[in-house]
Amino acid sequence: MTIAPSRRALLAGLLSSAALTRAATAQVGPTQPGPSALPPPAPSPAPAGPPRFRFDEVVRRAKALAGAPFEATVAPLPAPLASLDYDAWRDIRFRPDKALLGDQDGPFRLQLFHLGFLYTRPVTVNVVRDGVPTPIPYQPGLFDYGRTTIDKPLPVTLGFAGFRLHYPLNKPALLDELISFLGASYYRFLGRDQLYGLSARGLAVNVEGVGGPEEFPVFREFWIEMPPKGADRAVIYALLDGPSCTGAFQFLVYPGDETVVDVRCTLIPRRELATVGIAPLTSMFFIGENDRHHSDDYRPELHDSDGLLMQSGGGEWIWRPLRNPKERWISAFQDRNPKGFGLMQRDRVFEDYQDLEAFYHRRPGYWVEPQGEWGEGTVRLVELPTENETHDNIVASWQPKQPYQPGEAVELSYKVRALAETDDLHPGGRVVNTYVARTTASGGTADGSEPLTRRFLVDFSGGDLAYWLTDPKAVEIVPSTTAGKITAVSLVPNLHVKGFRAAIDVRLDRPGQATDLRAFLRARGQTLTETWTYPWKAA
């Protein structure tokens, strides 16, 4: 949104008031009464300065905003910006020497994204200094326009498309991009030696498209606190607005090997929220070892994430490999007070991607850790078909069982971690490969039942599995299916992964029937691995 003059005047008045208060206090000296003078009256309290900007102020604004209809109309951008294509917009870059937040020699620097191309809704970005927020005015001198020509002057109230923070993440003397907010309520962040892949969002509404299209709430205003010297975190506030909901968000960003974003939010529904997604993650899966029917690309795998990992409220660890389905597919994992879920990039071997530009093996996974009790609901995974690697087709989020009611504030907290490896998340064995094949022997001729049968091969590694390789007969696979019949099972050592390979043959009853498979390994009554789960639909 743009900044109204009255808003700027109010902030200027607050700043002037604070300055006058400090000046008046500095000029007051001690009073020494004469011998016959009466004692001086008690000094009047100094004029109070403006209240410090806190998260509560964002909540107040979200509640006030929820009382009015959502303004879906976006004023058209000035002519020089309205016609920018991707290349022209991308050519406009923020000047690093103009970066903000360095006044107190803190470790973070703020850069802004220019409006244009797909980013047509203006966002207000404020810097909070000593508790007082000040909006950043648009200035052409902040940007290097490259080959893009802007002939007409643009107003200082233009706003921005979003922003990003830089931090010496990988080297002490080099500022790397740490986190960015750009488009709707999307944000992305990195840990050490990671490259951007999947995204997080403030809120997802109706991803399933029930009764209408998906909504995309937007962060319309941000406040970033001026970091002091030696700060170990960045503090960001955001105001969310959308047709069905408003919200206040606080992001505490802790850079590191596994950067952590501590999220606190208050949601104010405008109407009943029955299909809301909390802590949503959005990613891309095109082809992988378990799903290659969409492409003859020379690269073996193309994905930002290869699986959904979840720890249920009861402690069970679940791994669900991702797919690029032929039709939209929704998987729901019912739970109560989940301990965590996330979209992971578990395969981190360059040779499995062979991509010298995208470096998919360096994409992070995001792990969501709910704080407090979230009650009953489902971890929902939505997979959409895509014909190329440029489209995000995967969404994972938490959906509460009970819809949020209009006007009733909902308070939630959670942490999101940017992970490279998932080996340390739990002590058990993990799934490292999933393959889908015909049930006929290699080189054999398929029979007429092939569309109704499949063989699923699953490699388990890690945990105590190397120990059990000395007595493999003591290890058993525990499979199950929700439909059809498991016709054959085998389990053999796989020394290449220091674990075991399981094979599960499944036969369904009729074309079009679907099933959900589950399997895990155990020995002498002890569970050794996470639970592998996978959907399959007969052709």
Protein backbone atom coordinates (compact mmCIF):
# COMPACT_ATOMS: atom_id res chain seq x y z
CA MET A 1 0.00 0.00 0.00
CA THR A 2 1.07 3.61 -0.41
CA ILE A 3 1.73 5.93 2.51
CA ALA A 4 -0.83 8.68 3.03
CA PRO A 5 0.55 12.17 3.77
CA SER A 6 -1.24 12.22 7.12
CA ARG A 7 0.58 9.02 8.06
CA ARG A 8 3.97 10.56 7.25
CA ALA A 9 3.05 13.75 9.07
CA LEU A 10 2.08 11.79 12.16
CA LEU A 11 5.39 9.91 12.19
CA ALA A 12 7.29 13.14 11.65
CA GLY A 13 5.41 14.65 14.57
CA LEU A 14 6.31 11.72 16.79
CA LEU A 15 9.97 12.04 15.88
CA SER A 16 9.91 15.80 16.53
CA SER A 17 8.19 15.25 19.87
CA ALA A 18 10.86 12.76 20.93
CA ALA A 19 13.64 15.15 19.94
CA LEU A 20 12.07 18.06 21.84
CA THR A 21 11.62 15.90 24.93
CA ARG A 22 15.30 14.94 24.92
CA ALA A 23 16.39 18.58 24.41
CA ALA A 24 14.21 19.91 27.22
CA THR A 25 15.46 17.29 29.65
CA ALA A 26 19.07 18.16 28.89
CA GLN A 27 18.54 21.85 29.73
CA VAL A 28 17.00 21.35 33.19
CA GLY A 29 19.50 22.02 36.02
CA PRO A 30 19.31 21.73 39.82
CA THR A 31 17.44 24.50 41.72
CA GLN A 32 19.13 25.96 44.86
CA PRO A 33 16.59 27.89 47.05
CA GLY A 34 17.79 30.94 49.12
CA PRO A 35 17.73 30.94 52.94
CA SER A 36 14.18 32.29 53.19
CA ALA A 37 12.84 30.61 50.04
CA LEU A 38 10.14 28.02 50.20
CA PRO A 39 11.08 24.53 49.08
CA PRO A 40 10.56 24.23 45.35
CA PRO A 41 7.52 22.32 44.17
CA ALA A 42 7.99 18.71 43.15
CA PRO A 43 9.19 18.60 39.56
CA SER A 44 6.59 17.72 36.95
CA PRO A 45 7.24 14.45 35.13
CA ALA A 46 9.03 14.89 31.82
CA PRO A 47 6.78 14.66 28.76
CA ALA A 48 6.40 11.06 27.71
CA GLY A 49 7.93 10.08 24.40
CA PRO A 50 6.09 8.12 21.75
CA PRO A 51 5.23 4.51 22.70
CA ARG A 52 7.76 1.97 21.47
CA PHE A 53 6.64 0.01 18.44
CA ARG A 54 5.97 -3.58 19.45
CA PHE A 55 4.23 -6.68 18.11
CA ASP A 56 1.08 -5.61 19.96
CA GLU A 57 0.84 -2.59 17.66
CA VAL A 58 0.79 -4.88 14.60
CA VAL A 59 -1.94 -6.96 16.27
CA ARG A 60 -3.96 -3.79 16.87
CA ARG A 61 -3.65 -2.84 13.23
CA ALA A 62 -4.64 -6.36 12.09
CA LYS A 63 -7.78 -6.23 14.24
CA ALA A 64 -8.70 -2.80 12.89
CA LEU A 65 -8.06 -3.97 9.33
CA ALA A 66 -10.27 -7.04 9.81
CA GLY A 67 -13.23 -4.74 10.54
CA ALA A 68 -13.20 -3.45 6.97
CA PRO A 69 -13.60 -5.34 3.67
CA PHE A 70 -10.46 -6.49 1.88
CA GLU A 71 -9.36 -4.05 -0.80
CA ALA A 72 -8.58 -6.32 -3.72
CA THR A 73 -8.12 -3.55 -6.27
CA VAL A 74 -4.51 -2.55 -6.86
CA ALA A 75 -3.89 0.84 -8.44
CA PRO A 76 -2.02 0.49 -11.73
CA LEU A 77 1.69 1.18 -11.61
CA PRO A 78 3.02 4.32 -13.33
CA ALA A 79 3.51 3.82 -17.05
CA PRO A 80 7.28 3.22 -16.95
CA LEU A 81 6.79 0.27 -14.57
CA ALA A 82 3.52 -1.22 -15.82
CA SER A 83 5.10 -2.62 -19.00
CA LEU A 84 8.26 -4.14 -17.54
CA ASP A 85 8.90 -7.75 -18.52
CA TYR A 86 10.94 -10.14 -16.40
CA ASP A 87 14.31 -9.22 -17.88
CA ALA A 88 13.69 -5.46 -17.57
CA TRP A 89 12.49 -5.80 -13.97
CA ARG A 90 15.38 -8.06 -13.05
CA ASP A 91 17.79 -5.49 -14.46
CA ILE A 92 16.75 -3.04 -11.72
CA ARG A 93 18.98 -3.81 -8.76
CA PHE A 94 19.36 -2.21 -5.37
CA ARG A 95 22.68 -0.43 -4.90
CA PRO A 96 24.62 -2.30 -2.17
CA ASP A 97 26.25 0.95 -1.03
CA LYS A 98 22.76 2.29 -0.20
CA ALA A 99 21.86 -0.62 2.10
CA LEU A 100 20.11 0.31 5.33
CA LEU A 101 20.44 -0.88 8.98
CA GLY A 102 24.17 -0.16 9.25
CA ASP A 103 23.91 2.99 11.39
CA GLN A 104 24.78 1.18 14.62
CA ASP A 105 27.37 -1.09 12.97
CA GLY A 106 25.06 -4.10 13.30
CA PRO A 107 25.72 -7.20 11.16
CA PHE A 108 22.53 -7.02 9.03
CA ARG A 109 21.91 -4.93 5.91
CA LEU A 110 18.57 -4.18 4.26
CA GLN A 111 17.99 -4.02 0.50
CA LEU A 112 14.71 -3.40 -1.31
CA PHE A 113 13.02 -4.90 -4.37
CA HIS A 114 11.63 -2.57 -7.04
CA LEU A 115 8.01 -2.75 -8.18
CA GLY A 116 7.28 -4.12 -11.65
CA PHE A 117 6.65 -7.30 -13.68
CA LEU A 118 4.53 -9.63 -11.46
CA TYR A 119 5.04 -7.47 -8.38
CA THR A 120 2.44 -4.74 -8.77
CA ARG A 121 1.06 -4.43 -5.22
CA PRO A 122 3.09 -1.81 -3.30
CA VAL A 123 4.49 -2.80 0.08
CA THR A 124 5.43 -0.32 2.79
CA VAL A 125 8.76 -1.02 4.52
CA ASN A 126 9.59 0.72 7.80
CA VAL A 127 12.75 0.86 9.87
CA VAL A 128 12.18 0.90 13.64
CA ARG A 129 14.81 3.01 15.39
CA ASP A 130 14.66 3.43 19.20
CA GLY A 131 11.12 2.11 19.12
CA VAL A 132 9.88 4.61 16.49
CA PRO A 133 8.97 3.34 13.01
CA THR A 134 9.82 5.41 9.95
CA PRO A 135 8.70 4.42 6.43
CA ILE A 136 11.43 4.23 3.80
CA PRO A 137 10.57 6.65 0.99
CA TYR A 138 11.05 5.57 -2.58
CA GLN A 139 14.15 7.19 -4.11
CA PRO A 140 15.48 6.47 -7.61
CA GLY A 141 19.02 6.79 -6.25
CA LEU A 142 18.54 3.57 -4.28
CA PHE A 143 18.57 1.52 -7.49
CA ASP A 144 20.80 0.78 -10.44
CA TYR A 145 18.40 0.53 -13.40
CA GLY A 146 20.86 -1.13 -15.76
CA ARG A 147 19.44 -1.16 -19.29
CA THR A 148 15.93 -0.33 -18.03
CA THR A 149 14.92 3.27 -18.69
CA ILE A 150 12.57 5.17 -16.36
CA ASP A 151 11.73 8.44 -18.14
CA LYS A 152 9.31 9.97 -15.64
CA PRO A 153 9.93 10.79 -11.96
CA LEU A 154 8.24 8.38 -9.53
CA PRO A 155 6.57 9.46 -6.25
CA VAL A 156 8.24 8.93 -2.88
CA THR A 157 5.03 7.12 -1.85
CA LEU A 158 5.50 4.49 -4.56
CA GLY A 159 6.48 1.75 -2.15
CA PHE A 160 8.45 -1.41 -2.89
CA ALA A 161 7.84 -4.99 -3.98
CA GLY A 162 9.57 -6.45 -0.93
CA PHE A 163 12.95 -6.61 0.77
CA ARG A 164 15.84 -8.84 1.74
CA LEU A 165 18.38 -8.93 4.53
CA HIS A 166 22.09 -9.63 4.06
CA TYR A 167 24.43 -11.05 6.68
CA PRO A 168 28.00 -12.50 6.78
CA LEU A 169 26.56 -16.01 6.60
CA ASN A 170 29.32 -17.95 4.83
CA LYS A 171 32.39 -15.72 5.31
CA PRO A 172 33.06 -13.11 8.03
CA ALA A 173 33.89 -10.35 5.52
CA LEU A 174 31.20 -11.12 2.92
CA LEU A 175 27.53 -10.15 3.15
CA ASP A 176 25.31 -12.91 1.74
CA GLU A 177 21.57 -12.84 1.21
CA LEU A 178 19.98 -14.34 4.34
CA ILE A 179 16.21 -13.93 3.97
CA SER A 180 13.87 -12.29 1.46
CA PHE A 181 10.19 -11.36 1.46
CA LEU A 182 8.80 -10.99 -2.06
CA GLY A 183 5.30 -11.62 -3.39
CA ALA A 184 2.07 -12.31 -1.44
CA SER A 185 3.18 -13.74 1.94
CA TYR A 186 6.14 -15.71 0.58
CA TYR A 187 9.57 -15.68 2.21
CA ARG A 188 12.76 -17.70 1.78
CA PHE A 189 15.87 -17.96 3.91
CA LEU A 190 19.19 -19.79 3.92
CA GLY A 191 21.58 -21.55 6.21
CA ARG A 192 25.30 -21.79 5.59
CA ASP A 193 26.34 -23.13 2.15
CA GLN A 194 22.73 -23.36 0.97
CA LEU A 195 21.04 -22.04 -2.19
CA TYR A 196 17.43 -20.93 -2.57
CA GLY A 197 14.89 -23.62 -3.39
CA LEU A 198 11.57 -23.97 -1.61
CA SER A 199 9.62 -21.13 0.03
CA ALA A 200 7.69 -20.59 3.23
CA ARG A 201 4.50 -18.53 3.49
CA GLY A 202 2.74 -16.59 6.17
CA LEU A 203 -0.60 -18.27 5.46
CA ALA A 204 -2.27 -20.49 2.85
CA VAL A 205 -6.02 -20.31 2.21
CA ASN A 206 -7.95 -22.86 0.16
CA VAL A 207 -4.97 -24.50 -1.51
CA GLU A 208 -7.29 -27.38 -2.42
CA GLY A 209 -9.55 -25.02 -4.38
CA VAL A 210 -12.73 -26.07 -2.56
CA GLY A 211 -15.67 -24.00 -3.84
CA GLY A 212 -13.41 -21.42 -5.46
CA PRO A 213 -9.82 -20.52 -6.30
CA GLU A 214 -6.94 -20.44 -3.84
CA GLU A 215 -6.48 -17.16 -2.00
CA PHE A 216 -3.09 -15.51 -1.63
CA PRO A 217 -3.00 -13.22 1.43
CA VAL A 218 -0.35 -10.51 1.20
CA PHE A 219 2.10 -8.89 3.58
CA ARG A 220 1.15 -5.25 3.00
CA GLU A 221 3.53 -3.62 5.48
CA PHE A 222 6.79 -4.53 7.24
CA TRP A 223 8.75 -3.13 10.16
CA ILE A 224 12.44 -4.07 10.64
CA GLU A 225 14.15 -3.16 13.89
CA MET A 226 17.51 -1.41 13.71
CA PRO A 227 19.96 -4.10 14.91
CA PRO A 228 22.61 -3.07 17.46
CA LYS A 229 26.28 -3.94 17.10
CA GLY A 230 26.81 -7.64 17.76
CA ALA A 231 23.13 -8.54 17.23
CA ASP A 232 22.61 -12.29 16.81
CA ARG A 233 19.15 -11.95 15.30
CA ALA A 234 17.03 -9.76 13.04
CA VAL A 235 13.55 -8.69 14.19
CA ILE A 236 10.84 -8.29 11.54
CA TYR A 237 7.14 -7.51 11.93
CA ALA A 238 4.58 -7.92 9.15
CA LEU A 239 0.91 -7.04 8.63
CA LEU A 240 -1.04 -9.66 6.64
CA ASP A 241 -4.18 -8.87 4.64
CA GLY A 242 -6.43 -11.02 2.51
CA PRO A 243 -10.06 -11.64 1.56
CA SER A 244 -10.62 -14.13 4.40
CA CYS A 245 -8.15 -13.09 7.07
CA THR A 246 -5.81 -10.46 8.45
CA GLY A 247 -2.84 -11.16 10.67
CA ALA A 248 0.12 -9.88 12.63
CA PHE A 249 3.47 -11.66 12.34
CA GLN A 250 6.78 -11.44 14.15
CA PHE A 251 9.85 -13.07 12.63
CA LEU A 252 13.01 -13.51 14.70
CA VAL A 253 15.76 -14.58 12.28
CA TYR A 254 18.80 -16.36 13.77
CA PRO A 255 21.51 -16.92 11.11
CA GLY A 256 23.74 -19.98 11.29
CA ASP A 257 24.57 -23.38 9.83
CA GLU A 258 20.85 -24.07 10.14
CA THR A 259 19.23 -20.64 10.14
CA VAL A 260 16.16 -20.56 12.37
CA VAL A 261 13.14 -18.28 11.93
CA ASP A 262 11.06 -18.01 15.10
CA VAL A 263 7.50 -17.12 14.01
CA ARG A 264 4.77 -15.66 16.18
CA CYS A 265 1.42 -14.76 14.63
CA THR A 266 -2.07 -13.61 15.51
CA LEU A 267 -4.72 -14.31 12.87
CA ILE A 268 -8.04 -12.43 12.67
CA PRO A 269 -10.49 -14.21 10.33
CA ARG A 270 -12.86 -12.02 8.33
CA ARG A 271 -14.99 -15.10 7.68
CA GLU A 272 -14.91 -18.75 8.65
CA LEU A 273 -11.58 -20.33 7.75
CA ALA A 274 -12.28 -23.97 7.02
CA THR A 275 -9.39 -24.66 4.63
CA VAL A 276 -6.58 -22.64 6.14
CA GLY A 277 -2.96 -23.82 5.97
CA ILE A 278 -0.70 -22.94 8.91
CA ALA A 279 3.08 -22.67 8.41
CA PRO A 280 2.74 -23.50 4.70
CA LEU A 281 5.73 -24.59 2.64
CA THR A 282 5.81 -24.47 -1.16
CA SER A 283 8.25 -26.40 -3.33
CA MET A 284 8.87 -28.05 -6.70
CA PHE A 285 9.11 -31.71 -7.68
CA PHE A 286 9.40 -32.55 -11.37
CA ILE A 287 11.25 -35.85 -11.69
CA GLY A 288 13.02 -38.17 -9.24
CA GLU A 289 14.13 -41.77 -8.90
CA ASN A 290 10.56 -42.79 -8.01
CA ASP A 291 8.84 -40.74 -10.74
CA ARG A 292 10.43 -40.25 -14.15
CA HIS A 293 7.48 -40.59 -16.53
CA HIS A 294 7.29 -36.87 -17.29
CA SER A 295 10.66 -36.23 -18.91
CA ASP A 296 13.54 -37.51 -21.01
CA ASP A 297 15.84 -34.83 -19.56
CA TYR A 298 19.49 -35.85 -19.30
CA ARG A 299 19.43 -34.85 -15.63
CA PRO A 300 18.32 -37.83 -13.50
CA GLU A 301 16.41 -35.77 -10.92
CA LEU A 302 14.90 -32.28 -10.81
CA HIS A 303 13.37 -31.13 -7.54
CA ASP A 304 13.73 -28.60 -4.72
CA SER A 305 12.38 -31.16 -2.24
CA ASP A 306 12.06 -34.93 -2.47
CA GLY A 307 9.90 -35.81 0.51
CA LEU A 308 7.58 -34.81 3.33
CA LEU A 309 8.98 -35.64 6.76
CA MET A 310 6.72 -35.61 9.80
CA GLN A 311 6.90 -36.43 13.49
CA SER A 312 3.46 -37.11 14.89
CA GLY A 313 2.26 -36.06 18.32
CA GLY A 314 2.70 -39.69 19.38
CA GLY A 315 6.35 -39.69 18.27
CA GLU A 316 6.12 -41.68 15.01
CA TRP A 317 8.43 -40.50 12.22
CA ILE A 318 6.91 -40.65 8.73
CA TRP A 319 8.58 -40.22 5.35
CA ARG A 320 6.44 -39.63 2.27
CA PRO A 321 8.38 -39.36 -1.03
CA LEU A 322 7.07 -36.60 -3.31
CA ARG A 323 5.72 -37.17 -6.82
CA ASN A 324 4.65 -35.29 -9.92
CA PRO A 325 1.18 -36.83 -10.28
CA LYS A 326 -0.93 -37.02 -13.42
CA GLU A 327 -3.74 -35.31 -11.51
CA ARG A 328 -3.99 -33.27 -8.32
CA TRP A 329 -3.36 -35.47 -5.30
CA ILE A 330 -4.05 -34.57 -1.66
CA SER A 331 -2.67 -36.61 1.22
CA ALA A 332 -3.82 -35.92 4.79
CA PHE A 333 -2.04 -37.20 7.89
CA GLN A 334 -4.37 -36.88 10.86
CA ASP A 335 -2.71 -35.97 14.12
CA ARG A 336 -2.97 -34.14 17.41
CA ASN A 337 -0.30 -31.65 18.49
CA PRO A 338 2.27 -32.59 15.82
CA LYS A 339 5.88 -32.29 16.87
CA GLY A 340 7.14 -31.31 13.45
CA PHE A 341 6.78 -31.50 9.68
CA GLY A 342 8.66 -30.24 6.68
CA LEU A 343 9.61 -30.57 3.04
CA MET A 344 13.11 -32.00 2.80
CA GLN A 345 15.80 -32.28 0.14
CA ARG A 346 17.23 -35.57 1.42
CA ASP A 347 19.21 -36.49 -1.70
CA ARG A 348 22.32 -34.27 -1.56
CA VAL A 349 24.56 -36.03 -4.12
CA PHE A 350 25.49 -33.91 -7.15
CA GLU A 351 25.68 -36.94 -9.46
CA ASP A 352 21.99 -37.62 -8.87
CA TYR A 353 21.13 -34.23 -10.44
CA GLN A 354 24.02 -33.41 -12.80
CA ASP A 355 22.96 -29.75 -12.82
CA LEU A 356 25.80 -27.21 -12.99
CA GLU A 357 23.47 -24.20 -12.82
CA ALA A 358 20.64 -24.94 -10.37
CA PHE A 359 22.74 -27.04 -7.92
CA TYR A 360 19.67 -28.84 -6.61
CA HIS A 361 21.81 -30.83 -4.17
CA ARG A 362 22.41 -27.62 -2.19
CA ARG A 363 18.75 -26.67 -1.73
CA PRO A 364 17.65 -26.59 1.92
CA GLY A 365 14.72 -28.34 3.53
CA TYR A 366 12.44 -26.41 5.90
CA TRP A 367 11.46 -28.08 9.17
CA VAL A 368 8.50 -26.63 11.10
CA GLU A 369 8.43 -27.12 14.90
CA PRO A 370 5.09 -26.09 16.48
CA GLN A 371 5.37 -24.32 19.82
CA GLY A 372 2.60 -25.12 22.28
CA GLU A 373 -0.47 -27.22 21.52
CA TRP A 374 -2.00 -27.00 18.06
CA GLY A 375 -4.81 -29.46 18.79
CA GLU A 376 -6.36 -31.82 16.25
CA GLY A 377 -5.92 -31.50 12.53
CA THR A 378 -3.96 -32.82 9.58
CA VAL A 379 -0.61 -32.29 7.96
CA ARG A 380 -1.78 -31.85 4.38
CA LEU A 381 0.31 -32.46 1.30
CA VAL A 382 -0.94 -31.16 -2.04
CA GLU A 383 0.80 -32.38 -5.20
CA LEU A 384 -0.07 -30.80 -8.56
CA PRO A 385 0.98 -31.99 -12.02
CA THR A 386 3.60 -29.88 -13.79
CA GLU A 387 5.22 -30.16 -17.19
CA ASN A 388 8.49 -28.43 -16.29
CA GLU A 389 10.74 -27.49 -13.39
CA THR A 390 9.77 -23.81 -13.30
CA HIS A 391 6.48 -24.27 -11.43
CA ASP A 392 6.05 -24.81 -7.71
CA ASN A 393 3.63 -27.75 -7.53
CA ILE A 394 4.02 -28.93 -3.91
CA VAL A 395 2.39 -27.45 -0.80
CA ALA A 396 2.57 -28.79 2.77
CA SER A 397 0.89 -27.19 5.78
CA TRP A 398 -1.05 -27.83 8.98
CA GLN A 399 -4.84 -27.64 8.73
CA PRO A 400 -6.75 -27.47 12.02
CA LYS A 401 -9.76 -29.76 12.44
CA GLN A 402 -12.02 -26.97 13.70
CA PRO A 403 -12.47 -23.96 11.38
CA TYR A 404 -11.34 -20.60 12.70
CA GLN A 405 -14.34 -18.34 13.35
CA PRO A 406 -14.81 -14.74 12.14
CA GLY A 407 -13.44 -12.12 14.51
CA GLU A 408 -11.91 -14.63 16.94
CA ALA A 409 -8.16 -14.08 17.25
CA VAL A 410 -5.97 -17.16 16.82
CA GLU A 411 -2.47 -17.07 18.32
CA LEU A 412 0.19 -19.48 17.08
CA SER A 413 3.96 -19.86 17.38
CA TYR A 414 6.43 -22.09 15.58
CA LYS A 415 10.03 -22.31 14.43
CA VAL A 416 11.22 -22.98 10.88
CA ARG A 417 14.73 -24.37 10.39
CA ALA A 418 16.69 -24.43 7.13
CA LEU A 419 18.26 -27.90 7.05
CA ALA A 420 20.90 -29.41 4.81
CA GLU A 421 20.95 -32.86 6.38
CA THR A 422 18.10 -34.68 8.13
CA ASP A 423 20.24 -37.46 9.63
CA ASP A 424 20.18 -35.94 13.12
CA LEU A 425 16.45 -35.25 13.32
CA HIS A 426 15.70 -38.69 14.71
CA PRO A 427 17.82 -41.67 15.83
CA GLY A 428 16.16 -44.31 13.64
CA GLY A 429 16.88 -45.53 10.15
CA ARG A 430 15.60 -43.38 7.29
CA VAL A 431 14.38 -43.91 3.75
CA VAL A 432 17.04 -42.98 1.19
CA ASN A 433 15.55 -44.38 -2.04
CA THR A 434 12.13 -45.30 -3.40
CA TYR A 435 11.64 -47.07 -6.74
CA VAL A 436 8.48 -48.20 -8.53
CA ALA A 437 8.70 -51.12 -10.97
CA ARG A 438 6.78 -53.90 -12.67
CA THR A 439 6.32 -57.09 -10.70
CA THR A 440 7.63 -59.23 -13.56
CA ALA A 441 11.24 -60.33 -13.56
CA SER A 442 13.79 -58.22 -15.40
CA GLY A 443 13.53 -59.01 -19.11
CA GLY A 444 10.26 -60.85 -18.61
CA THR A 445 7.08 -60.26 -20.55
CA ALA A 446 4.34 -58.29 -18.87
CA ASP A 447 1.05 -60.09 -18.39
CA GLY A 448 -2.44 -58.64 -18.60
CA SER A 449 -2.59 -57.86 -14.88
CA GLU A 450 0.32 -55.38 -14.99
CA PRO A 451 -1.81 -52.18 -14.66
CA LEU A 452 -3.17 -53.58 -11.38
CA THR A 453 0.18 -54.61 -9.87
CA ARG A 454 3.31 -52.78 -8.81
CA ARG A 455 6.55 -53.47 -6.98
CA PHE A 456 7.83 -50.84 -4.57
CA LEU A 457 11.49 -51.00 -3.59
CA VAL A 458 12.56 -49.02 -0.54
CA ASP A 459 16.12 -48.55 0.74
CA PHE A 460 16.50 -47.94 4.49
CA SER A 461 19.78 -46.63 5.92
CA GLY A 462 21.19 -45.13 9.11
CA GLY A 463 20.23 -45.55 12.71
CA ASP A 464 21.15 -49.02 14.01
CA LEU A 465 20.77 -50.76 10.64
CA ALA A 466 24.52 -51.25 10.15
CA TYR A 467 24.55 -53.11 13.47
CA TRP A 468 21.73 -55.43 12.34
CA LEU A 469 23.53 -56.27 9.10
CA THR A 470 25.51 -58.80 11.13
CA ASP A 471 22.23 -60.68 11.76
CA PRO A 472 19.93 -59.71 8.85
CA LYS A 473 17.48 -62.55 9.47
CA ALA A 474 16.46 -60.88 12.73
CA VAL A 475 15.15 -57.86 10.80
CA GLU A 476 11.66 -57.94 9.33
CA ILE A 477 9.58 -55.57 7.24
CA VAL A 478 6.10 -54.60 8.47
CA PRO A 479 3.99 -53.57 5.44
CA SER A 480 0.33 -52.60 5.11
CA THR A 481 -2.05 -51.33 2.42
CA THR A 482 -5.41 -49.57 2.63
CA ALA A 483 -6.77 -51.32 -0.47
CA GLY A 484 -5.99 -54.37 -2.57
CA LYS A 485 -3.55 -57.02 -1.41
CA ILE A 486 0.15 -57.31 -0.69
CA THR A 487 1.15 -60.37 -2.74
CA ALA A 488 4.87 -60.63 -1.96
CA VAL A 489 7.47 -59.15 0.39
CA SER A 490 11.24 -59.47 0.58
CA LEU A 491 14.02 -57.85 2.58
CA VAL A 492 17.71 -58.12 1.72
CA PRO A 493 20.86 -56.36 2.95
CA ASN A 494 22.00 -53.41 0.86
CA LEU A 495 25.64 -52.82 1.69
CA HIS A 496 25.79 -49.80 -0.62
CA VAL A 497 23.62 -47.82 1.80
CA LYS A 498 24.72 -49.75 4.90
CA GLY A 499 21.16 -50.87 5.39
CA PHE A 500 18.40 -52.91 3.78
CA ARG A 501 16.29 -52.97 0.63
CA ALA A 502 12.64 -53.92 0.99
CA ALA A 503 10.44 -55.04 -1.93
CA ILE A 504 6.66 -54.95 -1.66
CA ASP A 505 4.37 -56.28 -4.39
CA VAL A 506 0.83 -54.91 -4.40
CA ARG A 507 -2.21 -55.88 -6.45
CA LEU A 508 -5.33 -53.73 -6.62
CA ASP A 509 -8.78 -55.04 -7.50
CA ARG A 510 -9.84 -52.80 -10.35
CA PRO A 511 -8.62 -49.97 -12.59
CA GLY A 512 -8.81 -46.55 -10.96
CA GLN A 513 -8.56 -47.93 -7.42
CA ALA A 514 -6.12 -46.15 -5.10
CA THR A 515 -4.22 -47.25 -2.02
CA ASP A 516 -1.83 -45.90 0.59
CA LEU A 517 1.10 -48.16 1.44
CA ARG A 518 3.07 -48.12 4.67
CA ALA A 519 6.17 -50.01 5.77
CA PHE A 520 8.87 -49.92 8.44
CA LEU A 521 11.59 -52.24 9.73
CA ARG A 522 11.78 -53.82 13.16
CA ALA A 523 13.89 -56.41 15.00
CA ARG A 524 12.89 -58.34 18.12
CA GLY A 525 9.93 -56.06 18.69
CA GLN A 526 11.96 -52.86 18.36
CA THR A 527 11.12 -50.31 15.63
CA LEU A 528 14.30 -49.54 13.70
CA THR A 529 13.21 -47.00 11.10
CA GLU A 530 10.83 -44.24 10.21
CA THR A 531 7.61 -45.25 8.46
CA TRP A 532 7.65 -45.10 4.68
CA THR A 533 4.30 -44.25 3.12
CA TYR A 534 3.36 -43.98 -0.55
CA PRO A 535 0.15 -43.60 -2.57
CA TRP A 536 -0.57 -45.54 -5.74
CA LYS A 537 -3.49 -45.56 -8.14
CA ALA A 538 -4.03 -48.33 -10.68
CA ALA A 539 -4.28 -47.19 -14.28
